[in-house]
C-alpha atoms as a PDB file:
ATOM      1  CA  MET A   1     -42.545 -57.705 -16.449  1.00  0.00           C
ATOM      2  CA  ASN A   2     -41.114 -60.649 -14.542  1.00  0.00           C
ATOM      3  CA  GLU A   3     -44.198 -62.493 -13.305  1.00  0.00           C
ATOM      4  CA  LEU A   4     -42.471 -63.155  -9.979  1.00  0.00           C
ATOM      5  CA  LEU A   5     -42.396 -59.415  -9.332  1.00  0.00           C
ATOM      6  CA  ASP A   6     -46.083 -58.878 -10.032  1.00  0.00           C
ATOM      7  CA  PRO A   7     -48.097 -57.571  -7.079  1.00  0.00           C
ATOM      8  CA  VAL A   8     -49.954 -60.132  -5.028  1.00  0.00           C
ATOM      9  CA  LEU A   9     -53.656 -60.292  -4.293  1.00  0.00           C
ATOM     10  CA  LEU A  10     -54.030 -60.700  -0.553  1.00  0.00           C
ATOM     11  CA  GLN A  11     -57.607 -59.502  -0.116  1.00  0.00           C
ATOM     12  CA  THR A  12     -60.589 -59.542  -2.440  1.00  0.00           C
ATOM     13  CA  ASP A  13     -62.878 -56.547  -2.491  1.00  0.00           C
ATOM     14  CA  PHE A  14     -66.224 -56.955  -4.233  1.00  0.00           C
ATOM     15  CA  PRO A  15     -68.558 -54.726  -2.188  1.00  0.00           C
ATOM     16  CA  ASP A  16     -71.704 -55.610  -4.114  1.00  0.00           C
ATOM     17  CA  LEU A  17     -71.197 -59.379  -3.765  1.00  0.00           C
ATOM     18  CA  GLN A  18     -72.277 -61.482  -0.808  1.00  0.00           C
ATOM     19  CA  LEU A  19     -69.343 -63.137   0.947  1.00  0.00           C
ATOM     20  CA  HIS A  20     -70.221 -66.776   1.568  1.00  0.00           C
ATOM     21  CA  ALA A  21     -66.993 -67.931   3.241  1.00  0.00           C
ATOM     22  CA  SER A  22     -63.399 -66.807   3.657  1.00  0.00           C
ATOM     23  CA  GLY A  23     -60.613 -69.313   4.226  1.00  0.00           C
ATOM     24  CA  LYS A  24     -56.858 -69.130   4.591  1.00  0.00           C
ATOM     25  CA  VAL A  25     -56.452 -68.883   0.823  1.00  0.00           C
ATOM     26  CA  ARG A  26     -59.862 -68.667  -0.874  1.00  0.00           C
ATOM     27  CA  ASP A  27     -62.747 -66.260  -0.658  1.00  0.00           C
ATOM     28  CA  VAL A  28     -66.127 -67.613  -1.746  1.00  0.00           C
ATOM     29  CA  TYR A  29     -69.001 -65.399  -2.850  1.00  0.00           C
ATOM     30  CA  GLN A  30     -72.639 -66.332  -3.342  1.00  0.00           C
ATOM     31  CA  LEU A  31     -73.932 -65.365  -6.768  1.00  0.00           C
ATOM     32  CA  ASP A  32     -77.372 -66.927  -6.302  1.00  0.00           C
ATOM     33  CA  ASN A  33     -78.933 -70.000  -4.701  1.00  0.00           C
ATOM     34  CA  GLU A  34     -77.218 -72.323  -7.177  1.00  0.00           C
ATOM     35  CA  ARG A  35     -73.839 -70.730  -7.925  1.00  0.00           C
ATOM     36  CA  LEU A  36     -70.768 -69.661  -5.999  1.00  0.00           C
ATOM     37  CA  LEU A  37     -67.737 -67.648  -7.072  1.00  0.00           C
ATOM     38  CA  PHE A  38     -64.426 -69.099  -5.868  1.00  0.00           C
ATOM     39  CA  VAL A  39     -61.479 -66.681  -5.787  1.00  0.00           C
ATOM     40  CA  ALA A  40     -58.002 -67.962  -4.920  1.00  0.00           C
ATOM     41  CA  THR A  41     -55.838 -65.239  -3.400  1.00  0.00           C
ATOM     42  CA  ASP A  42     -52.050 -65.239  -3.050  1.00  0.00           C
ATOM     43  CA  ARG A  43     -52.275 -65.651   0.714  1.00  0.00           C
ATOM     44  CA  ILE A  44     -50.122 -68.361   2.215  1.00  0.00           C
ATOM     45  CA  SER A  45     -50.437 -70.084   5.556  1.00  0.00           C
ATOM     46  CA  ALA A  46     -47.828 -71.919   7.575  1.00  0.00           C
ATOM     47  CA  PHE A  47     -48.197 -73.624  10.937  1.00  0.00           C
ATOM     48  CA  ASP A  48     -51.919 -72.736  10.797  1.00  0.00           C
ATOM     49  CA  TYR A  49     -51.471 -68.973  10.412  1.00  0.00           C
ATOM     50  CA  VAL A  50     -51.828 -66.740   7.376  1.00  0.00           C
ATOM     51  CA  LEU A  51     -48.591 -64.836   6.839  1.00  0.00           C
ATOM     52  CA  ALA A  52     -48.272 -61.126   6.254  1.00  0.00           C
ATOM     53  CA  THR A  53     -46.642 -61.643   2.849  1.00  0.00           C
ATOM     54  CA  GLY A  54     -48.313 -63.239  -0.161  1.00  0.00           C
ATOM     55  CA  ILE A  55     -46.787 -65.460  -2.838  1.00  0.00           C
ATOM     56  CA  PRO A  56     -46.964 -63.971  -6.347  1.00  0.00           C
ATOM     57  CA  GLN A  57     -49.155 -65.982  -8.758  1.00  0.00           C
ATOM     58  CA  LYS A  58     -50.013 -68.604  -6.120  1.00  0.00           C
ATOM     59  CA  GLY A  59     -53.771 -68.142  -6.455  1.00  0.00           C
ATOM     60  CA  ARG A  60     -53.570 -68.485 -10.220  1.00  0.00           C
ATOM     61  CA  VAL A  61     -51.553 -71.675  -9.923  1.00  0.00           C
ATOM     62  CA  LEU A  62     -54.064 -73.174  -7.501  1.00  0.00           C
ATOM     63  CA  THR A  63     -56.977 -72.305  -9.771  1.00  0.00           C
ATOM     64  CA  GLN A  64     -55.384 -73.334 -13.055  1.00  0.00           C
ATOM     65  CA  ILE A  65     -54.042 -76.640 -11.776  1.00  0.00           C
ATOM     66  CA  SER A  66     -57.453 -77.479 -10.278  1.00  0.00           C
ATOM     67  CA  LEU A  67     -59.050 -76.745 -13.661  1.00  0.00           C
ATOM     68  CA  PHE A  68     -56.585 -79.118 -15.313  1.00  0.00           C
ATOM     69  CA  TRP A  69     -57.435 -81.931 -12.906  1.00  0.00           C
ATOM     70  CA  PHE A  70     -61.203 -81.331 -13.075  1.00  0.00           C
ATOM     71  CA  ASP A  71     -60.992 -81.964 -16.808  1.00  0.00           C
ATOM     72  CA  PHE A  72     -58.585 -84.890 -16.485  1.00  0.00           C
ATOM     73  CA  LEU A  73     -60.723 -86.697 -13.899  1.00  0.00           C
ATOM     74  CA  ALA A  74     -64.174 -85.974 -15.352  1.00  0.00           C
ATOM     75  CA  ASP A  75     -64.586 -89.563 -16.549  1.00  0.00           C
ATOM     76  CA  ILE A  76     -64.414 -90.814 -12.945  1.00  0.00           C
ATOM     77  CA  VAL A  77     -66.492 -88.302 -11.006  1.00  0.00           C
ATOM     78  CA  PRO A  78     -68.490 -85.130 -11.788  1.00  0.00           C
ATOM     79  CA  ASN A  79     -67.085 -81.842 -10.471  1.00  0.00           C
ATOM     80  CA  HIS A  80     -68.658 -78.583  -9.414  1.00  0.00           C
ATOM     81  CA  LEU A  81     -67.105 -76.368 -12.124  1.00  0.00           C
ATOM     82  CA  ILE A  82     -69.496 -74.300 -14.220  1.00  0.00           C
ATOM     83  CA  THR A  83     -66.959 -72.022 -15.914  1.00  0.00           C
ATOM     84  CA  ALA A  84     -63.642 -70.264 -15.406  1.00  0.00           C
ATOM     85  CA  ASP A  85     -63.960 -68.327 -18.670  1.00  0.00           C
ATOM     86  CA  MET A  86     -64.212 -64.631 -17.847  1.00  0.00           C
ATOM     87  CA  ALA A  87     -66.155 -64.045 -21.075  1.00  0.00           C
ATOM     88  CA  ARG A  88     -68.922 -66.308 -19.727  1.00  0.00           C
ATOM     89  CA  TYR A  89     -69.133 -64.605 -16.336  1.00  0.00           C
ATOM     90  CA  PRO A  90     -72.258 -62.559 -15.542  1.00  0.00           C
ATOM     91  CA  GLN A  91     -72.148 -58.928 -16.568  1.00  0.00           C
ATOM     92  CA  SER A  92     -72.125 -57.932 -12.891  1.00  0.00           C
ATOM     93  CA  LEU A  93     -68.656 -59.494 -12.533  1.00  0.00           C
ATOM     94  CA  GLN A  94     -67.060 -57.994 -15.629  1.00  0.00           C
ATOM     95  CA  LYS A  95     -65.947 -54.852 -13.775  1.00  0.00           C
ATOM     96  CA  TYR A  96     -63.804 -57.115 -11.585  1.00  0.00           C
ATOM     97  CA  ALA A  97     -62.183 -58.898 -14.525  1.00  0.00           C
ATOM     98  CA  GLU A  98     -58.653 -57.797 -13.648  1.00  0.00           C
ATOM     99  CA  GLN A  99     -58.901 -59.326 -10.168  1.00  0.00           C
ATOM    100  CA  LEU A 100     -60.792 -62.441 -11.236  1.00  0.00           C
ATOM    101  CA  ARG A 101     -59.123 -63.520 -14.456  1.00  0.00           C
ATOM    102  CA  GLY A 102     -57.077 -66.684 -14.043  1.00  0.00           C
ATOM    103  CA  ARG A 103     -57.685 -67.052 -10.319  1.00  0.00           C
ATOM    104  CA  SER A 104     -61.442 -67.613 -10.085  1.00  0.00           C
ATOM    105  CA  MET A 105     -64.160 -70.045 -11.101  1.00  0.00           C
ATOM    106  CA  ILE A 106     -67.918 -70.145 -10.951  1.00  0.00           C
ATOM    107  CA  VAL A 107     -69.077 -73.396  -9.430  1.00  0.00           C
ATOM    108  CA  GLN A 108     -72.280 -75.218  -8.652  1.00  0.00           C
ATOM    109  CA  ARG A 109     -73.243 -75.021  -5.031  1.00  0.00           C
ATOM    110  CA  ALA A 110     -73.009 -78.407  -3.335  1.00  0.00           C
ATOM    111  CA  GLU A 111     -74.034 -79.880  -0.014  1.00  0.00           C
ATOM    112  CA  MET A 112     -70.551 -80.678   1.257  1.00  0.00           C
ATOM    113  CA  PHE A 113     -69.691 -83.773   3.260  1.00  0.00           C
ATOM    114  CA  PRO A 114     -68.122 -82.799   6.624  1.00  0.00           C
ATOM    115  CA  VAL A 115     -64.991 -84.903   6.079  1.00  0.00           C
ATOM    116  CA  GLU A 116     -61.713 -84.581   4.217  1.00  0.00           C
ATOM    117  CA  CYS A 117     -60.984 -87.572   1.976  1.00  0.00           C
ATOM    118  CA  VAL A 118     -57.258 -88.095   2.412  1.00  0.00           C
ATOM    119  CA  VAL A 119     -55.294 -90.695   0.462  1.00  0.00           C
ATOM    120  CA  ARG A 120     -51.662 -91.566   1.072  1.00  0.00           C
ATOM    121  CA  GLY A 121     -49.440 -93.399  -1.370  1.00  0.00           C
ATOM    122  CA  TYR A 122     -46.249 -92.819   0.609  1.00  0.00           C
ATOM    123  CA  ILE A 123     -45.552 -92.571   4.319  1.00  0.00           C
ATOM    124  CA  SER A 124     -44.657 -89.028   5.292  1.00  0.00           C
ATOM    125  CA  GLY A 125     -45.588 -86.197   7.625  1.00  0.00           C
ATOM    126  CA  SER A 126     -48.042 -86.995  10.405  1.00  0.00           C
ATOM    127  CA  ALA A 127     -48.510 -90.525   9.074  1.00  0.00           C
ATOM    128  CA  TRP A 128     -44.785 -91.215   9.494  1.00  0.00           C
ATOM    129  CA  LYS A 129     -44.857 -89.921  13.078  1.00  0.00           C
ATOM    130  CA  GLU A 130     -47.882 -92.056  13.931  1.00  0.00           C
ATOM    131  CA  TYR A 131     -46.402 -95.147  12.302  1.00  0.00           C
ATOM    132  CA  LYS A 132     -43.142 -94.802  14.241  1.00  0.00           C
ATOM    133  CA  ALA A 133     -45.102 -94.598  17.473  1.00  0.00           C
ATOM    134  CA  THR A 134     -47.777 -97.248  16.881  1.00  0.00           C
ATOM    135  CA  GLY A 135     -47.120 -99.197  13.684  1.00  0.00           C
ATOM    136  CA  LYS A 136     -50.469 -97.909  12.422  1.00  0.00           C
ATOM    137  CA  VAL A 137     -51.851 -94.960  10.475  1.00  0.00           C
ATOM    138  CA  CYS A 138     -55.407 -93.881  11.318  1.00  0.00           C
ATOM    139  CA  GLY A 139     -56.078 -97.296  12.820  1.00  0.00           C
ATOM    140  CA  ILE A 140     -54.725 -99.175   9.781  1.00  0.00           C
ATOM    141  CA  GLN A 141     -52.116-101.774  10.718  1.00  0.00           C
ATOM    142  CA  LEU A 142     -49.123-101.537   8.384  1.00  0.00           C
ATOM    143  CA  PRO A 143     -46.145-103.802   7.655  1.00  0.00           C
ATOM    144  CA  SER A 144     -43.186-103.360   9.976  1.00  0.00           C
ATOM    145  CA  GLY A 145     -39.932-101.885   8.722  1.00  0.00           C
ATOM    146  CA  LEU A 146     -41.300 -99.153   6.472  1.00  0.00           C
ATOM    147  CA  ARG A 147     -38.860 -96.292   5.903  1.00  0.00           C
ATOM    148  CA  GLU A 148     -39.737 -92.616   5.836  1.00  0.00           C
ATOM    149  CA  SER A 149     -41.147 -91.603   2.428  1.00  0.00           C
ATOM    150  CA  GLU A 150     -41.470 -95.235   1.315  1.00  0.00           C
ATOM    151  CA  ALA A 151     -44.447 -96.253  -0.819  1.00  0.00           C
ATOM    152  CA  PHE A 152     -47.201 -98.191   0.893  1.00  0.00           C
ATOM    153  CA  PRO A 153     -47.918-101.629  -0.600  1.00  0.00           C
ATOM    154  CA  GLU A 154     -51.206-100.039  -1.724  1.00  0.00           C
ATOM    155  CA  PRO A 155     -52.457 -96.454  -1.223  1.00  0.00           C
ATOM    156  CA  ILE A 156     -54.410 -96.066   2.009  1.00  0.00           C
ATOM    157  CA  PHE A 157     -57.507 -93.998   2.748  1.00  0.00           C
ATOM    158  CA  THR A 158     -57.148 -91.920   5.921  1.00  0.00           C
ATOM    159  CA  PRO A 159     -60.083 -89.516   6.341  1.00  0.00           C
ATOM    160  CA  SER A 160     -60.104 -86.526   8.639  1.00  0.00           C
ATOM    161  CA  THR A 161     -62.528 -84.051  10.074  1.00  0.00           C
ATOM    162  CA  LYS A 162     -62.749 -80.525   8.684  1.00  0.00           C
ATOM    163  CA  ALA A 163     -61.356 -78.010  11.144  1.00  0.00           C
ATOM    164  CA  THR A 164     -62.543 -74.414  10.940  1.00  0.00           C
ATOM    165  CA  SER A 165     -59.230 -73.437  12.536  1.00  0.00           C
ATOM    166  CA  GLY A 166     -56.032 -75.282  13.354  1.00  0.00           C
ATOM    167  CA  HIS A 167     -55.367 -78.821  12.186  1.00  0.00           C
ATOM    168  CA  ASP A 168     -57.841 -81.313  10.783  1.00  0.00           C
ATOM    169  CA  GLU A 169     -58.145 -84.383  12.998  1.00  0.00           C
ATOM    170  CA  ASN A 170     -57.487 -87.846  11.564  1.00  0.00           C
ATOM    171  CA  ILE A 171     -60.342 -90.284  12.058  1.00  0.00           C
ATOM    172  CA  SER A 172     -60.831 -93.982  11.343  1.00  0.00           C
ATOM    173  CA  PHE A 173     -62.990 -95.231   8.503  1.00  0.00           C
ATOM    174  CA  GLY A 174     -65.434 -96.480  11.137  1.00  0.00           C
ATOM    175  CA  GLN A 175     -65.749 -92.967  12.551  1.00  0.00           C
ATOM    176  CA  MET A 176     -66.313 -91.623   9.037  1.00  0.00           C
ATOM    177  CA  CYS A 177     -69.146 -94.160   8.607  1.00  0.00           C
ATOM    178  CA  GLU A 178     -70.757 -92.765  11.752  1.00  0.00           C
ATOM    179  CA  ILE A 179     -70.557 -89.224  10.351  1.00  0.00           C
ATOM    180  CA  VAL A 180     -71.766 -89.707   6.753  1.00  0.00           C
ATOM    181  CA  GLY A 181     -73.200 -93.240   6.735  1.00  0.00           C
ATOM    182  CA  THR A 182     -71.564 -96.500   5.706  1.00  0.00           C
ATOM    183  CA  GLU A 183     -72.741 -96.490   2.088  1.00  0.00           C
ATOM    184  CA  THR A 184     -71.639 -92.916   1.451  1.00  0.00           C
ATOM    185  CA  ALA A 185     -68.321 -93.466   3.239  1.00  0.00           C
ATOM    186  CA  SER A 186     -67.618 -96.545   1.124  1.00  0.00           C
ATOM    187  CA  THR A 187     -68.436 -94.657  -2.085  1.00  0.00           C
ATOM    188  CA  LEU A 188     -66.213 -91.724  -1.101  1.00  0.00           C
ATOM    189  CA  ARG A 189     -63.349 -94.072  -0.252  1.00  0.00           C
ATOM    190  CA  GLU A 190     -63.644 -95.849  -3.599  1.00  0.00           C
ATOM    191  CA  LEU A 191     -63.797 -92.568  -5.535  1.00  0.00           C
ATOM    192  CA  THR A 192     -60.847 -91.130  -3.618  1.00  0.00           C
ATOM    193  CA  LEU A 193     -58.643 -94.131  -4.362  1.00  0.00           C
ATOM    194  CA  ARG A 194     -59.655 -94.240  -8.048  1.00  0.00           C
ATOM    195  CA  VAL A 195     -59.034 -90.520  -8.536  1.00  0.00           C
ATOM    196  CA  TYR A 196     -55.691 -90.693  -6.739  1.00  0.00           C
ATOM    197  CA  LYS A 197     -54.489 -93.678  -8.752  1.00  0.00           C
ATOM    198  CA  LYS A 198     -55.290 -92.081 -12.096  1.00  0.00           C
ATOM    199  CA  ALA A 199     -53.726 -88.747 -11.120  1.00  0.00           C
ATOM    200  CA  ALA A 200     -50.658 -90.318  -9.475  1.00  0.00           C
ATOM    201  CA  ASP A 201     -49.981 -92.539 -12.510  1.00  0.00           C
ATOM    202  CA  TYR A 202     -50.184 -89.523 -14.809  1.00  0.00           C
ATOM    203  CA  ALA A 203     -48.053 -87.295 -12.565  1.00  0.00           C
ATOM    204  CA  ARG A 204     -45.343 -89.965 -12.300  1.00  0.00           C
ATOM    205  CA  GLN A 205     -45.067 -89.904 -16.090  1.00  0.00           C
ATOM    206  CA  ARG A 206     -44.554 -86.139 -15.771  1.00  0.00           C
ATOM    207  CA  GLY A 207     -41.774 -86.553 -13.214  1.00  0.00           C
ATOM    208  CA  ILE A 208     -43.801 -85.832 -10.070  1.00  0.00           C
ATOM    209  CA  ILE A 209     -44.686 -88.194  -7.230  1.00  0.00           C
ATOM    210  CA  ILE A 210     -47.980 -87.352  -5.542  1.00  0.00           C
ATOM    211  CA  ALA A 211     -47.164 -88.668  -2.090  1.00  0.00           C
ATOM    212  CA  ASP A 212     -50.543 -87.823  -0.598  1.00  0.00           C
ATOM    213  CA  THR A 213     -53.467 -85.517  -1.169  1.00  0.00           C
ATOM    214  CA  LYS A 214     -56.915 -84.643   0.104  1.00  0.00           C
ATOM    215  CA  PHE A 215     -60.209 -84.242  -1.694  1.00  0.00           C
ATOM    216  CA  GLU A 216     -63.513 -82.683  -0.779  1.00  0.00           C
ATOM    217  CA  PHE A 217     -66.791 -84.015  -2.093  1.00  0.00           C
ATOM    218  CA  GLY A 218     -70.335 -82.744  -1.983  1.00  0.00           C
ATOM    219  CA  ARG A 219     -73.729 -83.707  -3.281  1.00  0.00           C
ATOM    220  CA  THR A 220     -75.467 -81.945  -6.171  1.00  0.00           C
ATOM    221  CA  ALA A 221     -78.200 -82.868  -8.628  1.00  0.00           C
ATOM    222  CA  HIS A 222     -75.489 -84.885 -10.414  1.00  0.00           C
ATOM    223  CA  GLY A 223     -74.883 -86.986  -7.299  1.00  0.00           C
ATOM    224  CA  ILE A 224     -71.574 -87.105  -5.474  1.00  0.00           C
ATOM    225  CA  THR A 225     -69.400 -84.314  -6.869  1.00  0.00           C
ATOM    226  CA  LEU A 226     -65.714 -83.420  -6.598  1.00  0.00           C
ATOM    227  CA  ALA A 227     -65.358 -79.868  -5.257  1.00  0.00           C
ATOM    228  CA  ASP A 228     -63.007 -77.202  -3.927  1.00  0.00           C
ATOM    229  CA  GLU A 229     -59.357 -77.415  -5.010  1.00  0.00           C
ATOM    230  CA  VAL A 230     -57.955 -80.592  -6.535  1.00  0.00           C
ATOM    231  CA  LEU A 231     -54.400 -81.959  -6.472  1.00  0.00           C
ATOM    232  CA  THR A 232     -52.672 -78.617  -5.952  1.00  0.00           C
ATOM    233  CA  PRO A 233     -49.352 -78.005  -4.154  1.00  0.00           C
ATOM    234  CA  ASP A 234     -51.447 -76.712  -1.222  1.00  0.00           C
ATOM    235  CA  SER A 235     -53.578 -79.847  -0.854  1.00  0.00           C
ATOM    236  CA  SER A 236     -50.930 -82.412  -1.834  1.00  0.00           C
ATOM    237  CA  ARG A 237     -47.302 -83.404  -1.395  1.00  0.00           C
ATOM    238  CA  PHE A 238     -45.606 -83.197  -4.794  1.00  0.00           C
ATOM    239  CA  TRP A 239     -42.100 -84.690  -4.870  1.00  0.00           C
ATOM    240  CA  PRO A 240     -39.690 -84.475  -7.822  1.00  0.00           C
ATOM    241  CA  ALA A 241     -39.367 -88.097  -8.957  1.00  0.00           C
ATOM    242  CA  ASP A 242     -35.756 -87.712 -10.075  1.00  0.00           C
ATOM    243  CA  LYS A 243     -34.703 -86.761  -6.537  1.00  0.00           C
ATOM    244  CA  TYR A 244     -36.811 -89.318  -4.689  1.00  0.00           C
ATOM    245  CA  GLU A 245     -34.963 -91.473  -2.182  1.00  0.00           C
ATOM    246  CA  PRO A 246     -36.808 -93.365   0.569  1.00  0.00           C
ATOM    247  CA  GLY A 247     -35.396 -93.241   4.080  1.00  0.00           C
ATOM    248  CA  ARG A 248     -35.490 -89.457   4.454  1.00  0.00           C
ATOM    249  CA  SER A 249     -37.755 -86.461   3.957  1.00  0.00           C
ATOM    250  CA  GLN A 250     -38.110 -85.315   0.347  1.00  0.00           C
ATOM    251  CA  GLU A 251     -37.830 -82.079  -1.564  1.00  0.00           C
ATOM    252  CA  SER A 252     -41.256 -80.832  -2.564  1.00  0.00           C
ATOM    253  CA  TYR A 253     -43.093 -78.416  -4.842  1.00  0.00           C
ATOM    254  CA  ASP A 254     -44.745 -76.444  -2.090  1.00  0.00           C
ATOM    255  CA  LYS A 255     -44.146 -73.905   0.655  1.00  0.00           C
ATOM    256  CA  GLN A 256     -41.151 -75.650   2.209  1.00  0.00           C
ATOM    257  CA  TYR A 257     -38.985 -72.551   1.706  1.00  0.00           C
ATOM    258  CA  VAL A 258     -41.494 -70.668   3.828  1.00  0.00           C
ATOM    259  CA  ARG A 259     -41.503 -73.265   6.601  1.00  0.00           C
ATOM    260  CA  ASP A 260     -37.708 -73.427   6.588  1.00  0.00           C
ATOM    261  CA  TYR A 261     -37.421 -69.650   6.865  1.00  0.00           C
ATOM    262  CA  LEU A 262     -39.883 -69.521   9.755  1.00  0.00           C
ATOM    263  CA  GLU A 263     -37.927 -72.223  11.572  1.00  0.00           C
ATOM    264  CA  GLU A 264     -34.652 -70.365  10.949  1.00  0.00           C
ATOM    265  CA  ILE A 265     -35.954 -67.142  12.495  1.00  0.00           C
ATOM    266  CA  ARG A 266     -37.364 -69.182  15.407  1.00  0.00           C
ATOM    267  CA  TRP A 267     -40.872 -67.813  15.093  1.00  0.00           C
ATOM    268  CA  ASN A 268     -42.860 -69.020  18.098  1.00  0.00           C
ATOM    269  CA  LYS A 269     -45.804 -69.930  15.818  1.00  0.00           C
ATOM    270  CA  GLN A 270     -48.087 -67.498  17.587  1.00  0.00           C
ATOM    271  CA  PRO A 271     -49.764 -64.420  16.088  1.00  0.00           C
ATOM    272  CA  PRO A 272     -48.928 -62.077  14.606  1.00  0.00           C
ATOM    273  CA  ALA A 273     -47.450 -64.071  11.734  1.00  0.00           C
ATOM    274  CA  PRO A 274     -44.274 -62.493  10.338  1.00  0.00           C
ATOM    275  CA  ALA A 275     -43.644 -61.080   6.883  1.00  0.00           C
ATOM    276  CA  LEU A 276     -41.378 -62.891   4.416  1.00  0.00           C
ATOM    277  CA  PRO A 277     -38.278 -61.550   2.672  1.00  0.00           C
ATOM    278  CA  ALA A 278     -38.815 -60.993  -1.048  1.00  0.00           C
ATOM    279  CA  GLU A 279     -36.360 -63.775  -1.906  1.00  0.00           C
ATOM    280  CA  VAL A 280     -38.298 -66.371   0.089  1.00  0.00           C
ATOM    281  CA  ALA A 281     -41.609 -65.303  -1.471  1.00  0.00           C
ATOM    282  CA  GLN A 282     -40.131 -65.379  -4.973  1.00  0.00           C
ATOM    283  CA  ARG A 283     -38.486 -68.790  -4.558  1.00  0.00           C
ATOM    284  CA  THR A 284     -41.741 -70.187  -3.213  1.00  0.00           C
ATOM    285  CA  SER A 285     -43.641 -68.662  -6.133  1.00  0.00           C
ATOM    286  CA  GLN A 286     -41.247 -70.334  -8.537  1.00  0.00           C
ATOM    287  CA  LYS A 287     -41.913 -73.705  -6.909  1.00  0.00           C
ATOM    288  CA  TYR A 288     -45.642 -73.296  -7.518  1.00  0.00           C
ATOM    289  CA  LEU A 289     -45.048 -72.220 -11.121  1.00  0.00           C
ATOM    290  CA  ASP A 290     -42.686 -75.155 -11.667  1.00  0.00           C
ATOM    291  CA  ALA A 291     -45.288 -77.590 -10.343  1.00  0.00           C
ATOM    292  CA  TYR A 292     -47.890 -76.226 -12.758  1.00  0.00           C
ATOM    293  CA  LEU A 293     -45.526 -76.466 -15.728  1.00  0.00           C
ATOM    294  CA  GLN A 294     -44.420 -79.965 -14.768  1.00  0.00           C
ATOM    295  CA  ILE A 295     -47.966 -81.281 -14.395  1.00  0.00           C
ATOM    296  CA  THR A 296     -49.652 -79.584 -17.340  1.00  0.00           C
ATOM    297  CA  GLY A 297     -46.768 -79.181 -19.783  1.00  0.00           C
ATOM    298  CA  ARG A 298     -47.545 -75.511 -20.280  1.00  0.00           C
ATOM    299  CA  LYS A 299     -46.690 -72.207 -18.652  1.00  0.00           C
ATOM    300  CA  LEU A 300     -49.205 -70.538 -16.420  1.00  0.00           C
ATOM    301  CA  ASP A 301     -51.943 -68.628 -18.226  1.00  0.00           C
ATOM    302  CA  VAL A 302     -52.012 -65.305 -16.404  1.00  0.00           C
END
């Protein structure tokens, strides 16, 4: 069967498990006091709303690409992964193997820091808008004359708050220090920049520019720990390096087809969110699959 035509998983249904949290894409279940079960669905959000149509294989891409990066970055920072091997899951989860395989992971529960650790290597999106208006990004003064999508002289750290709904709010590093403490903020900034540099250097060799991304960290018995999703097309801007040209917006390996369609139909960006035509969902799915193949060098393990 063509994997793009496979049915999507929009909702998880594990009646004997305790739901810990449900986000736009992931559902998190509590297994015990130390372990959580992360399940990435095929839900997709745009303009802060979850759409009525899912993207085939999206949840598997998000999970599998995060697993790749957890392994790749393990020499820099510990991560919260315990296992994503279905054979090592508790017996109580085996009856859900069909739903869980490839799109789930069991992770160590962490005390999460209430900030998003955002790093930007290129000026794009909200940073570009702010720079045009003020010459700064999150309070950081930048050289004049930067063009849209141009690389910064050095990657910059631009933290944000975590919003339970709507957009995260950019904050200054000083504000982050007030929230988590100066020492912790400095450590998180250093880790974020080190992780980004290693990943961005690798991705560039694979033909992808990681323009920006966000990380989440928590604290476990191992100390500061990398958690949640890592360097996926949902949490990052991936640009094809062979088509990169500063001075304009870039093509990307993400849900741009979805955004473009919603703009074309002039959706007012208020609920209810519309459904997507099959062609838009399939083209978006292919973008996610392409990103996985480009980064890892292998086809998605479904």
